[in-house]
């Protein structure tokens, strides 16, 4: 039987791994520190159970110690993202131990090819029917958790950002214009999200609930029973009851409300740079993971491109007609200056200017002047 998750771990390598974690996480958030400690604990528990003779770092080998840990992780049916994260964190710790303990072989125990490529899954936005049913059920309940979930749905906030909202998070952006201040979150970025009157009423309702909470006021919009994680767990466990009451059999998690918010804005015409700001992302690749491009959207864009093509080559310009001597009425084509027909002189002048570049310029100036003189005489008559 495996030890309790929070029980003190007794292993000869605990202190060395702890020093490596302290060095790696000196500037990281507490959540990152907990992740490093959880991965180190998982690895040391495996060593203690499967290879109890390992008491020093120089005895660690890729086969069977590290490769056996890979097999143990895969047997736990972890999500691909969790499995990849554990391998990456363990590789960082082994590289830090290789440098600090002067055991270079530790840096090569986990190779780059050991880490699988993260799967590219489709966005998890709710369907319009699911979104409507869930919002109707949340409005019907009208309690504290339901209003928090509605706030997440209409602002695109992460659940961790929502529980960190300040009591005075509403800010006026102009006459009848409001924005909600989202604090530092997952990517260490804060932002102002424009909201409408409906979201303003949700925030005022949450303030009303906060005024009746027996916990002491701590300048936050939502009271915490014990800590942040306890409140997050309560909100996560509340949503399945709402989904079941709405008659939806699909498993839905709070983060899908954020996907739905992003997809709704894209369909409304919001551009990618603005959507990045609203979601608090730092690169467009991350934003594209949240955008649901449905089949109807693809059909609309396809037919729009076909009706207004911009990729076709431009049509060639029409060339001016080339006159020949045979198409004129000139009776003496070799001596155009002596011809009495003005149209003949003009046509021959055009032929010479477009089809020949070797004649003397003086002769063509003489022809042009004679043509103009003749035309003037005819107009005078």
Protein backbone atom coordinates (compact mmCIF):
# COMPACT_ATOMS: atom_id res chain seq x y z
CA UNK A 1 0.00 0.00 0.00
CA UNK A 2 1.32 3.42 -0.95
CA UNK A 3 1.96 6.01 1.79
CA UNK A 4 -0.48 8.84 2.40
CA UNK A 5 -0.04 11.80 0.06
CA UNK A 6 0.73 14.26 2.85
CA UNK A 7 2.67 11.90 5.14
CA UNK A 8 6.39 12.70 5.62
CA UNK A 9 8.42 10.79 3.09
CA UNK A 10 11.43 8.88 4.37
CA UNK A 11 14.01 8.27 1.65
CA UNK A 12 17.79 8.84 1.50
CA UNK A 13 17.41 11.17 -1.53
CA UNK A 14 14.72 13.45 -0.08
CA UNK A 15 17.08 16.20 1.06
CA UNK A 16 18.96 16.32 -2.23
CA UNK A 17 15.77 16.59 -4.24
CA UNK A 18 14.46 19.28 -1.89
CA UNK A 19 17.58 21.39 -2.41
CA UNK A 20 17.20 21.05 -6.17
CA UNK A 21 13.55 22.13 -5.93
CA UNK A 22 14.47 25.14 -3.80
CA UNK A 23 17.02 26.18 -6.43
CA UNK A 24 14.63 25.75 -9.36
CA UNK A 25 11.62 27.45 -7.77
CA UNK A 26 13.26 30.44 -6.12
CA UNK A 27 11.30 32.84 -8.35
CA UNK A 28 8.25 30.69 -9.14
CA UNK A 29 4.74 30.79 -7.75
CA UNK A 30 3.66 28.50 -4.88
CA UNK A 31 1.60 26.39 -7.30
CA UNK A 32 4.74 25.60 -9.30
CA UNK A 33 6.59 24.65 -6.12
CA UNK A 34 3.80 22.21 -5.24
CA UNK A 35 4.04 20.62 -8.67
CA UNK A 36 7.79 20.05 -8.33
CA UNK A 37 7.36 18.54 -4.89
CA UNK A 38 4.55 16.25 -6.05
CA UNK A 39 6.64 14.88 -8.94
CA UNK A 40 9.70 14.34 -6.73
CA UNK A 41 7.53 12.59 -4.16
CA UNK A 42 6.01 10.35 -6.84
CA UNK A 43 9.47 9.35 -8.11
CA UNK A 44 10.92 8.69 -4.66
CA UNK A 45 7.90 6.60 -3.63
CA UNK A 46 8.45 4.48 -6.74
CA UNK A 47 12.16 4.06 -5.95
CA UNK A 48 11.41 3.10 -2.36
CA UNK A 49 8.92 0.44 -3.43
CA UNK A 50 10.60 -1.02 -6.52
CA UNK A 51 14.30 -0.31 -5.93
CA UNK A 52 14.89 0.08 -2.18
CA UNK A 53 18.64 -0.42 -2.58
CA UNK A 54 19.07 2.98 -4.29
CA UNK A 55 20.46 5.27 -1.60
CA UNK A 56 22.66 7.65 -3.63
CA UNK A 57 22.32 9.58 -6.86
CA UNK A 58 25.33 7.98 -8.54
CA UNK A 59 23.50 4.63 -8.51
CA UNK A 60 20.56 5.90 -10.53
CA UNK A 61 20.41 4.39 -14.02
CA UNK A 62 18.15 4.99 -16.98
CA UNK A 63 17.35 1.29 -17.14
CA UNK A 64 15.67 0.06 -14.99
CA UNK A 65 15.08 2.97 -12.61
CA UNK A 66 13.85 5.80 -14.88
CA UNK A 67 12.31 3.61 -17.57
CA UNK A 68 10.52 1.63 -14.87
CA UNK A 69 9.09 4.88 -13.50
CA UNK A 70 7.77 5.67 -16.99
CA UNK A 71 5.93 2.35 -17.01
CA UNK A 72 4.51 3.04 -13.56
CA UNK A 73 3.21 6.44 -14.68
CA UNK A 74 1.54 5.00 -17.78
CA UNK A 75 -0.15 2.35 -15.66
CA UNK A 76 -1.91 5.13 -13.72
CA UNK A 77 -3.90 6.23 -16.81
CA UNK A 78 -2.81 9.84 -16.45
CA UNK A 79 -3.98 12.48 -18.86
CA UNK A 80 -1.39 13.13 -21.61
CA UNK A 81 -0.78 16.67 -20.37
CA UNK A 82 -0.15 15.44 -16.81
CA UNK A 83 2.19 12.70 -18.00
CA UNK A 84 4.20 15.15 -20.13
CA UNK A 85 4.37 17.68 -17.28
CA UNK A 86 5.76 15.10 -14.86
CA UNK A 87 8.47 14.06 -17.27
CA UNK A 88 9.48 17.66 -17.94
CA UNK A 89 9.63 18.54 -14.24
CA UNK A 90 11.66 15.44 -13.40
CA UNK A 91 14.11 16.19 -16.20
CA UNK A 92 14.62 19.71 -14.82
CA UNK A 93 15.31 18.31 -11.36
CA UNK A 94 17.75 15.72 -12.67
CA UNK A 95 19.62 18.36 -14.66
CA UNK A 96 19.83 20.56 -11.57
CA UNK A 97 21.11 17.61 -9.49
CA UNK A 98 23.68 16.77 -12.18
CA UNK A 99 25.11 20.27 -11.88
CA UNK A 100 24.90 20.64 -8.09
CA UNK A 101 26.16 17.15 -7.14
CA UNK A 102 28.69 16.82 -9.98
CA UNK A 103 27.09 13.66 -11.39
CA UNK A 104 26.84 14.42 -15.13
CA UNK A 105 25.07 11.18 -16.02
CA UNK A 106 21.92 12.40 -14.25
CA UNK A 107 21.31 14.95 -17.00
CA UNK A 108 20.93 12.16 -19.59
CA UNK A 109 18.54 9.88 -17.74
CA UNK A 110 15.50 11.49 -19.40
CA UNK A 111 16.02 12.27 -23.07
CA UNK A 112 14.12 14.57 -25.35
CA UNK A 113 12.64 11.70 -27.32
CA UNK A 114 11.13 10.29 -24.12
CA UNK A 115 8.67 13.18 -23.91
CA UNK A 116 5.69 12.63 -26.26
CA UNK A 117 4.19 15.37 -28.31
CA UNK A 118 1.20 17.02 -26.71
CA UNK A 119 -2.05 16.08 -28.48
CA UNK A 120 -3.79 18.87 -30.40
CA UNK A 121 -7.40 18.51 -29.34
CA UNK A 122 -10.42 20.37 -30.61
CA UNK A 123 -11.76 23.29 -28.56
CA UNK A 124 -14.29 22.34 -25.92
CA UNK A 125 -16.81 25.11 -26.34
CA UNK A 126 -20.39 24.31 -25.40
CA UNK A 127 -22.98 23.92 -28.10
CA UNK A 128 -25.54 26.76 -28.28
CA UNK A 129 -28.21 24.43 -26.89
CA UNK A 130 -26.03 23.33 -23.95
CA UNK A 131 -25.03 26.92 -23.26
CA UNK A 132 -28.66 28.03 -23.18
CA UNK A 133 -29.76 25.22 -20.87
CA UNK A 134 -26.91 25.76 -18.40
CA UNK A 135 -27.43 29.52 -18.24
CA UNK A 136 -31.16 29.06 -17.68
CA UNK A 137 -30.49 26.67 -14.81
CA UNK A 138 -27.91 29.01 -13.25
CA UNK A 139 -30.34 31.93 -13.44
CA UNK A 140 -33.08 29.83 -11.90
CA UNK A 141 -30.91 28.90 -8.90
CA UNK A 142 -29.55 32.43 -8.36
CA UNK A 143 -27.25 31.50 -5.45
CA UNK A 144 -23.60 32.30 -4.83
CA UNK A 145 -21.98 29.49 -6.90
CA UNK A 146 -24.40 29.96 -9.81
CA UNK A 147 -23.60 33.67 -10.04
CA UNK A 148 -19.87 32.93 -9.96
CA UNK A 149 -20.25 30.52 -12.89
CA UNK A 150 -22.34 33.08 -14.79
CA UNK A 151 -19.60 35.63 -14.21
CA UNK A 152 -17.04 33.22 -15.63
CA UNK A 153 -19.23 32.53 -18.65
CA UNK A 154 -19.67 36.21 -19.56
CA UNK A 155 -16.09 37.39 -18.90
CA UNK A 156 -13.96 34.41 -19.96
CA UNK A 157 -12.07 34.36 -16.66
CA UNK A 158 -10.28 31.30 -15.37
CA UNK A 159 -11.70 29.84 -12.19
CA UNK A 160 -8.55 30.80 -10.27
CA UNK A 161 -8.80 34.41 -11.46
CA UNK A 162 -12.47 34.56 -10.50
CA UNK A 163 -11.88 33.53 -6.90
CA UNK A 164 -9.11 36.15 -6.64
CA UNK A 165 -11.33 39.07 -7.71
CA UNK A 166 -11.20 42.11 -5.48
CA UNK A 167 -14.34 43.51 -3.90
CA UNK A 168 -13.91 46.75 -5.91
CA UNK A 169 -13.16 44.99 -9.22
CA UNK A 170 -15.68 47.13 -11.16
CA UNK A 171 -14.22 50.19 -12.89
CA UNK A 172 -15.99 52.86 -14.91
CA UNK A 173 -14.70 53.23 -18.47
CA UNK A 174 -16.99 56.10 -19.46
CA UNK A 175 -20.68 57.00 -19.48
CA UNK A 176 -22.58 53.72 -19.05
CA UNK A 177 -19.40 51.78 -19.78
CA UNK A 178 -17.86 49.37 -17.31
CA UNK A 179 -14.90 47.02 -17.12
CA UNK A 180 -13.90 44.39 -14.61
CA UNK A 181 -10.32 44.21 -13.38
CA UNK A 182 -8.98 40.65 -13.63
CA UNK A 183 -6.00 40.17 -11.26
CA UNK A 184 -2.74 38.41 -11.96
CA UNK A 185 -3.49 34.85 -12.96
CA UNK A 186 -1.93 31.85 -14.60
CA UNK A 187 0.32 33.78 -17.01
CA UNK A 188 1.14 36.56 -14.53
CA UNK A 189 -0.87 39.10 -16.52
CA UNK A 190 -3.70 41.36 -15.42
CA UNK A 191 -6.27 42.89 -17.72
CA UNK A 192 -9.45 44.94 -17.97
CA UNK A 193 -12.40 43.12 -19.54
CA UNK A 194 -15.31 45.26 -20.85
CA UNK A 195 -18.68 44.15 -19.49
CA UNK A 196 -22.34 45.03 -19.95
CA UNK A 197 -25.10 45.84 -17.49
CA UNK A 198 -25.95 42.16 -17.01
CA UNK A 199 -22.45 41.37 -15.70
CA UNK A 200 -22.59 44.48 -13.51
CA UNK A 201 -25.71 43.12 -11.86
CA UNK A 202 -23.95 39.80 -11.26
CA UNK A 203 -21.08 41.56 -9.49
CA UNK A 204 -23.48 43.57 -7.32
CA UNK A 205 -25.32 40.37 -6.46
CA UNK A 206 -22.03 38.74 -5.38
CA UNK A 207 -21.30 41.76 -3.21
CA UNK A 208 -24.71 41.27 -1.63
CA UNK A 209 -23.88 37.65 -0.82
CA UNK A 210 -20.50 38.71 0.56
CA UNK A 211 -22.13 41.12 2.98
CA UNK A 212 -23.98 38.22 4.64
CA UNK A 213 -20.99 35.92 4.87
CA UNK A 214 -19.85 35.32 8.48
CA UNK A 215 -16.17 35.14 7.48
CA UNK A 216 -14.14 38.32 8.10
CA UNK A 217 -13.83 40.76 5.24
CA UNK A 218 -10.51 40.37 3.36
CA UNK A 219 -11.06 42.81 0.43
CA UNK A 220 -12.00 39.93 -1.89
CA UNK A 221 -15.30 39.52 -3.67
CA UNK A 222 -15.63 35.86 -2.67
CA UNK A 223 -15.06 34.62 0.86
CA UNK A 224 -12.71 31.67 1.30
CA UNK A 225 -13.74 28.95 3.79
CA UNK A 226 -10.15 27.84 4.36
CA UNK A 227 -8.00 28.68 1.36
CA UNK A 228 -8.22 29.28 -2.36
CA UNK A 229 -8.13 25.62 -3.34
CA UNK A 230 -11.09 24.79 -1.10
CA UNK A 231 -13.24 27.43 -2.82
CA UNK A 232 -12.14 26.22 -6.27
CA UNK A 233 -13.10 22.64 -5.40
CA UNK A 234 -16.53 23.78 -4.20
CA UNK A 235 -17.18 25.59 -7.48
CA UNK A 236 -15.99 22.63 -9.56
CA UNK A 237 -18.22 20.22 -7.68
CA UNK A 238 -21.24 22.53 -8.09
CA UNK A 239 -21.27 22.52 -11.91
CA UNK A 240 -22.04 18.77 -12.40
CA UNK A 241 -25.25 19.22 -10.39
CA UNK A 242 -26.26 22.10 -12.65
CA UNK A 243 -25.49 20.07 -15.78
CA UNK A 244 -27.53 17.12 -14.53
CA UNK A 245 -30.46 19.36 -13.60
CA UNK A 246 -30.38 20.87 -17.08
CA UNK A 247 -30.75 17.41 -18.62
CA UNK A 248 -27.26 17.26 -20.15
CA UNK A 249 -25.48 13.93 -19.97
CA UNK A 250 -22.10 15.17 -21.24
CA UNK A 251 -19.39 15.85 -18.69
CA UNK A 252 -18.75 19.60 -18.52
CA UNK A 253 -16.05 21.39 -16.51
CA UNK A 254 -15.88 25.13 -15.61
CA UNK A 255 -13.03 25.82 -18.06
CA UNK A 256 -15.36 25.09 -20.96
CA UNK A 257 -17.22 28.29 -20.10
CA UNK A 258 -14.05 30.14 -21.07
CA UNK A 259 -13.89 28.28 -24.40
CA UNK A 260 -17.52 29.18 -25.06
CA UNK A 261 -16.88 32.86 -24.31
CA UNK A 262 -13.97 32.96 -26.79
CA UNK A 263 -15.88 31.19 -29.56
CA UNK A 264 -18.85 33.51 -29.09
CA UNK A 265 -16.66 36.60 -29.50
CA UNK A 266 -15.05 35.22 -32.65
CA UNK A 267 -18.46 34.64 -34.22
CA UNK A 268 -19.41 38.19 -33.25
CA UNK A 269 -16.47 39.52 -35.29
CA UNK A 270 -13.85 40.19 -32.60
CA UNK A 271 -10.35 40.06 -34.07
CA UNK A 272 -7.54 37.85 -32.83
CA UNK A 273 -5.43 40.65 -31.18
CA UNK A 274 -8.44 41.89 -29.20
CA UNK A 275 -9.38 38.35 -28.21
CA UNK A 276 -5.84 37.76 -26.92
CA UNK A 277 -6.18 40.79 -24.65
CA UNK A 278 -9.59 39.73 -23.38
CA UNK A 279 -8.37 36.23 -22.52
CA UNK A 280 -5.04 37.35 -21.08
CA UNK A 281 -2.90 35.36 -23.53
CA UNK A 282 0.63 36.25 -24.59
CA UNK A 283 0.75 34.54 -28.01
CA UNK A 284 -1.83 33.83 -30.75
CA UNK A 285 -1.16 30.08 -30.72
CA UNK A 286 -2.62 29.82 -27.24
CA UNK A 287 -5.67 31.84 -28.25
CA UNK A 288 -6.38 29.61 -31.25
CA UNK A 289 -6.79 26.63 -28.93
CA UNK A 290 -9.87 28.28 -27.46
CA UNK A 291 -11.55 29.23 -30.72
CA UNK A 292 -14.21 26.81 -31.90
CA UNK A 293 -14.51 26.91 -35.68
CA UNK A 294 -17.66 24.91 -36.30
CA UNK A 295 -18.75 23.33 -39.57
CA UNK A 296 -21.24 26.11 -40.20
CA UNK A 297 -18.46 28.70 -39.81
CA UNK A 298 -16.29 26.86 -42.34
CA UNK A 299 -19.16 26.69 -44.83
CA UNK A 300 -19.83 30.41 -44.45
CA UNK A 301 -16.19 31.38 -44.94
CA UNK A 302 -15.82 29.01 -47.90
CA UNK A 303 -18.82 30.38 -49.80
CA UNK A 304 -17.78 33.95 -48.98
CA UNK A 305 -14.35 33.32 -50.48
CA UNK A 306 -15.91 31.78 -53.59
CA UNK A 307 -18.32 34.67 -54.08
CA UNK A 308 -15.62 37.31 -53.62
CA UNK A 309 -12.41 35.72 -54.92
CA UNK A 310 -9.22 37.63 -54.24
CA UNK A 311 -6.72 35.03 -55.42
CA UNK A 312 -7.51 35.13 -59.18
CA UNK A 313 -4.92 36.58 -61.55
CA UNK A 314 -5.80 40.00 -63.01
CA UNK A 315 -7.25 40.06 -66.51
CA UNK A 316 -4.76 41.17 -69.22
CA UNK A 317 -5.17 44.70 -70.48
CA UNK A 318 -6.56 45.21 -73.96
CA UNK A 319 -3.86 46.22 -76.41
CA UNK A 320 -4.39 49.06 -78.81
CA UNK A 321 -5.16 47.96 -82.38
CA UNK A 322 -2.15 47.79 -84.68
CA UNK A 323 -2.72 49.60 -87.91
CA UNK A 324 -1.25 48.37 -91.13
CA UNK A 325 -0.78 50.08 -94.44
CA UNK A 326 -3.33 47.81 -96.10
CA UNK A 327 -6.04 49.01 -93.72
CA UNK A 328 -5.67 52.63 -94.88
CA UNK A 329 -6.74 54.28 -98.06
CA UNK A 330 -3.35 55.64 -98.85
CA UNK A 331 -2.53 55.44 -102.47
CA UNK A 332 1.17 55.94 -101.85
CA UNK A 333 2.23 54.04 -98.68
CA UNK A 334 5.93 54.68 -99.23
CA UNK A 335 5.43 58.47 -99.24
CA UNK A 336 2.86 59.28 -96.53
CA UNK A 337 3.78 62.95 -96.35
CA UNK A 338 2.52 63.47 -99.92
CA UNK A 339 -0.81 61.70 -99.40
CA UNK A 340 -3.83 64.00 -99.51
CA UNK A 341 -5.97 61.90 -97.11
CA UNK A 342 -5.65 63.09 -93.49
CA UNK A 343 -6.84 59.74 -92.07
CA UNK A 344 -4.13 57.99 -94.03
CA UNK A 345 -1.43 60.26 -92.58
CA UNK A 346 -2.71 59.76 -89.01
CA UNK A 347 -2.82 55.97 -89.37
CA UNK A 348 0.65 55.82 -90.85
CA UNK A 349 1.96 58.03 -88.07
CA UNK A 350 0.49 55.59 -85.49
CA UNK A 351 2.07 52.64 -87.30
CA UNK A 352 5.43 54.27 -87.29
CA UNK A 353 5.29 55.22 -83.59
CA UNK A 354 4.27 51.75 -82.37
CA UNK A 355 5.88 49.29 -84.79
CA UNK A 356 9.17 50.94 -85.63
CA UNK A 357 11.87 52.49 -83.51
CA UNK A 358 14.66 52.79 -86.09
CA UNK A 359 13.48 55.70 -88.19
CA UNK A 360 14.81 59.19 -87.74
CA UNK A 361 12.80 61.40 -85.30
CA UNK A 362 13.05 64.33 -87.71
CA UNK A 363 11.06 62.59 -90.41
CA UNK A 364 8.21 61.82 -88.00
CA UNK A 365 8.13 65.39 -86.70
CA UNK A 366 7.85 66.52 -90.30
CA UNK A 367 4.98 64.08 -90.91
CA UNK A 368 3.17 65.20 -87.76
CA UNK A 369 3.50 68.89 -88.62
CA UNK A 370 2.22 68.33 -92.13
CA UNK A 371 -0.75 66.38 -90.79
CA UNK A 372 -1.65 69.14 -88.35
CA UNK A 373 -1.33 71.81 -91.07
CA UNK A 374 -3.58 69.89 -93.41
CA UNK A 375 -6.15 69.34 -90.69
CA UNK A 376 -6.18 73.05 -89.91
CA UNK A 377 -6.73 73.92 -93.54
CA UNK A 378 -9.68 71.52 -93.81
CA UNK A 379 -11.28 72.89 -90.65
CA UNK A 380 -10.89 76.45 -91.94
CA UNK A 381 -12.60 75.52 -95.18
